[in-house]
Amino acid sequence: MPYETIAKGATDLADRSLRNQPEFDVDSFKDYDKMKGTLAMGGVSKERNAELLDTVPHKDISI
């Protein structure tokens, strides 16, 4: 398949996707009462997150 055909297909797909994206209310993310039903928390070990924890503020709550 020629490169031009692949590139045209990719650009057409990107164009359709951008024109057909769903409505997205960014302000709803700032409203805790709207979002609290969708929030979830998960735990990951300190060892698995060692690299990230070197770069972000955090509090060690290990028991």
N, C-alpha and C. Protein backbone atom coordinates (compact mmCIF):
# COMPACT_ATOMS: atom_id res chain seq x y z
N MET A 1 0.86 -1.17 0.00
CA MET A 1 0.00 0.00 0.00
C MET A 1 0.91 1.23 0.00
N PRO A 2 0.64 2.17 -0.87
CA PRO A 2 1.49 3.37 -0.94
C PRO A 2 1.38 4.23 0.33
N TYR A 3 2.48 4.89 0.66
CA TYR A 3 2.55 5.75 1.83
C TYR A 3 1.46 6.81 1.80
N GLU A 4 1.23 7.40 0.63
CA GLU A 4 0.22 8.46 0.51
C GLU A 4 -1.16 7.95 0.91
N THR A 5 -1.48 6.73 0.57
CA THR A 5 -2.78 6.14 0.92
C THR A 5 -2.90 5.97 2.43
N ILE A 6 -1.82 5.49 3.05
CA ILE A 6 -1.82 5.31 4.51
C ILE A 6 -1.93 6.66 5.21
N ALA A 7 -1.15 7.64 4.74
CA ALA A 7 -1.18 8.97 5.35
C ALA A 7 -2.55 9.61 5.19
N LYS A 8 -3.16 9.47 4.01
CA LYS A 8 -4.49 10.05 3.78
C LYS A 8 -5.51 9.39 4.69
N GLY A 9 -5.45 8.08 4.85
CA GLY A 9 -6.36 7.37 5.74
C GLY A 9 -6.21 7.83 7.19
N ALA A 10 -4.96 8.03 7.62
CA ALA A 10 -4.71 8.47 8.99
C ALA A 10 -5.23 9.89 9.21
N THR A 11 -4.98 10.77 8.26
CA THR A 11 -5.46 12.15 8.42
C THR A 11 -6.98 12.22 8.35
N ASP A 12 -7.60 11.41 7.49
CA ASP A 12 -9.07 11.39 7.43
C ASP A 12 -9.66 10.89 8.75
N LEU A 13 -9.07 9.85 9.32
CA LEU A 13 -9.54 9.32 10.60
C LEU A 13 -9.39 10.36 11.71
N ALA A 14 -8.25 11.03 11.76
CA ALA A 14 -8.02 12.05 12.78
C ALA A 14 -9.02 13.20 12.61
N ASP A 15 -9.27 13.60 11.38
CA ASP A 15 -10.21 14.69 11.11
C ASP A 15 -11.62 14.31 11.56
N ARG A 16 -12.07 13.11 11.23
CA ARG A 16 -13.41 12.65 11.65
C ARG A 16 -13.51 12.56 13.16
N SER A 17 -12.46 12.06 13.78
CA SER A 17 -12.46 11.93 15.24
C SER A 17 -12.56 13.29 15.91
N LEU A 18 -11.83 14.26 15.41
CA LEU A 18 -11.86 15.60 16.01
C LEU A 18 -13.22 16.27 15.81
N ARG A 19 -13.85 16.03 14.67
CA ARG A 19 -15.15 16.65 14.42
C ARG A 19 -16.28 15.94 15.16
N ASN A 20 -16.08 14.70 15.55
CA ASN A 20 -17.14 13.92 16.19
C ASN A 20 -16.87 13.64 17.66
N GLN A 21 -16.02 14.43 18.27
CA GLN A 21 -15.73 14.17 19.69
C GLN A 21 -16.92 14.56 20.55
N PRO A 22 -17.14 13.83 21.62
CA PRO A 22 -18.29 14.12 22.49
C PRO A 22 -18.11 15.43 23.25
N GLU A 23 -19.23 15.97 23.69
CA GLU A 23 -19.18 17.16 24.53
C GLU A 23 -18.46 16.81 25.82
N PHE A 24 -17.66 17.72 26.30
CA PHE A 24 -16.87 17.45 27.50
C PHE A 24 -16.90 18.69 28.38
N ASP A 25 -17.48 18.57 29.56
CA ASP A 25 -17.62 19.69 30.48
C ASP A 25 -16.47 19.68 31.48
N VAL A 26 -15.43 20.45 31.19
CA VAL A 26 -14.25 20.51 32.05
C VAL A 26 -14.61 21.04 33.43
N ASP A 27 -15.54 21.97 33.50
CA ASP A 27 -15.92 22.54 34.79
C ASP A 27 -16.49 21.50 35.75
N SER A 28 -17.09 20.43 35.22
CA SER A 28 -17.65 19.41 36.11
C SER A 28 -16.55 18.71 36.91
N PHE A 29 -15.34 18.68 36.38
CA PHE A 29 -14.23 18.07 37.12
C PHE A 29 -13.85 18.89 38.34
N LYS A 30 -14.19 20.15 38.34
CA LYS A 30 -13.86 21.03 39.45
C LYS A 30 -14.94 21.00 40.54
N ASP A 31 -16.05 20.36 40.27
CA ASP A 31 -17.18 20.32 41.20
C ASP A 31 -17.20 18.97 41.91
N TYR A 32 -16.74 18.96 43.15
CA TYR A 32 -16.64 17.71 43.91
C TYR A 32 -17.99 17.01 44.03
N ASP A 33 -19.05 17.76 44.26
CA ASP A 33 -20.37 17.14 44.42
C ASP A 33 -20.79 16.38 43.17
N LYS A 34 -20.42 16.87 42.00
CA LYS A 34 -20.74 16.17 40.76
C LYS A 34 -19.86 14.95 40.56
N MET A 35 -18.62 15.03 41.00
CA MET A 35 -17.65 13.98 40.70
C MET A 35 -17.52 12.90 41.77
N LYS A 36 -17.97 13.17 42.99
CA LYS A 36 -17.68 12.24 44.09
C LYS A 36 -18.20 10.83 43.84
N GLY A 37 -19.25 10.68 43.08
CA GLY A 37 -19.76 9.34 42.78
C GLY A 37 -18.90 8.57 41.79
N THR A 38 -18.00 9.25 41.12
CA THR A 38 -17.16 8.58 40.12
C THR A 38 -15.72 8.40 40.58
N LEU A 39 -15.39 8.94 41.75
CA LEU A 39 -14.01 8.86 42.23
C LEU A 39 -13.72 7.50 42.85
N ALA A 40 -12.49 7.06 42.67
CA ALA A 40 -12.06 5.79 43.26
C ALA A 40 -10.61 5.95 43.72
N MET A 41 -10.23 5.16 44.69
CA MET A 41 -8.88 5.20 45.20
C MET A 41 -8.32 3.78 45.18
N GLY A 42 -7.07 3.68 44.84
CA GLY A 42 -6.41 2.39 44.85
C GLY A 42 -5.04 2.53 45.50
N GLY A 43 -4.56 1.47 46.02
CA GLY A 43 -3.25 1.49 46.65
C GLY A 43 -2.22 0.78 45.80
N VAL A 44 -1.03 1.33 45.78
CA VAL A 44 0.10 0.72 45.07
C VAL A 44 1.29 0.79 46.01
N SER A 45 2.09 -0.24 46.02
CA SER A 45 3.20 -0.31 46.96
C SER A 45 4.22 0.80 46.73
N LYS A 46 4.87 1.18 47.82
CA LYS A 46 5.91 2.21 47.77
C LYS A 46 7.04 1.76 46.83
N GLU A 47 7.34 0.49 46.82
CA GLU A 47 8.42 -0.02 45.97
C GLU A 47 8.07 0.12 44.49
N ARG A 48 6.82 -0.17 44.13
CA ARG A 48 6.40 -0.06 42.73
C ARG A 48 6.34 1.39 42.26
N ASN A 49 6.18 2.33 43.20
CA ASN A 49 6.09 3.74 42.86
C ASN A 49 7.33 4.53 43.24
N ALA A 50 8.43 3.87 43.52
CA ALA A 50 9.64 4.54 44.02
C ALA A 50 10.08 5.68 43.11
N GLU A 51 10.09 5.46 41.81
CA GLU A 51 10.55 6.50 40.88
C GLU A 51 9.62 7.71 40.91
N LEU A 52 8.32 7.49 40.91
CA LEU A 52 7.36 8.59 40.98
C LEU A 52 7.47 9.33 42.30
N LEU A 53 7.61 8.60 43.39
CA LEU A 53 7.66 9.22 44.72
C LEU A 53 8.90 10.09 44.91
N ASP A 54 9.92 9.87 44.09
CA ASP A 54 11.09 10.73 44.14
C ASP A 54 10.80 12.12 43.59
N THR A 55 9.70 12.27 42.84
CA THR A 55 9.45 13.53 42.14
C THR A 55 8.19 14.26 42.59
N VAL A 56 7.38 13.65 43.43
CA VAL A 56 6.13 14.30 43.85
C VAL A 56 6.04 14.37 45.38
N PRO A 57 5.40 15.41 45.88
CA PRO A 57 5.20 15.47 47.33
C PRO A 57 4.25 14.35 47.76
N HIS A 58 4.54 13.74 48.88
CA HIS A 58 3.68 12.66 49.39
C HIS A 58 3.93 12.46 50.88
N LYS A 59 3.06 11.73 51.49
CA LYS A 59 3.20 11.43 52.90
C LYS A 59 3.23 9.91 53.06
N ASP A 60 4.21 9.41 53.75
CA ASP A 60 4.34 7.97 53.98
C ASP A 60 3.34 7.56 55.06
N ILE A 61 2.35 6.75 54.71
CA ILE A 61 1.33 6.32 55.68
C ILE A 61 1.43 4.82 55.93
N SER A 62 2.62 4.26 55.64
CA SER A 62 2.78 2.82 55.87
C SER A 62 2.67 2.49 57.34
N ILE A 63 2.18 1.31 57.59
CA ILE A 63 1.93 0.88 58.97
C ILE A 63 3.03 -0.04 59.42
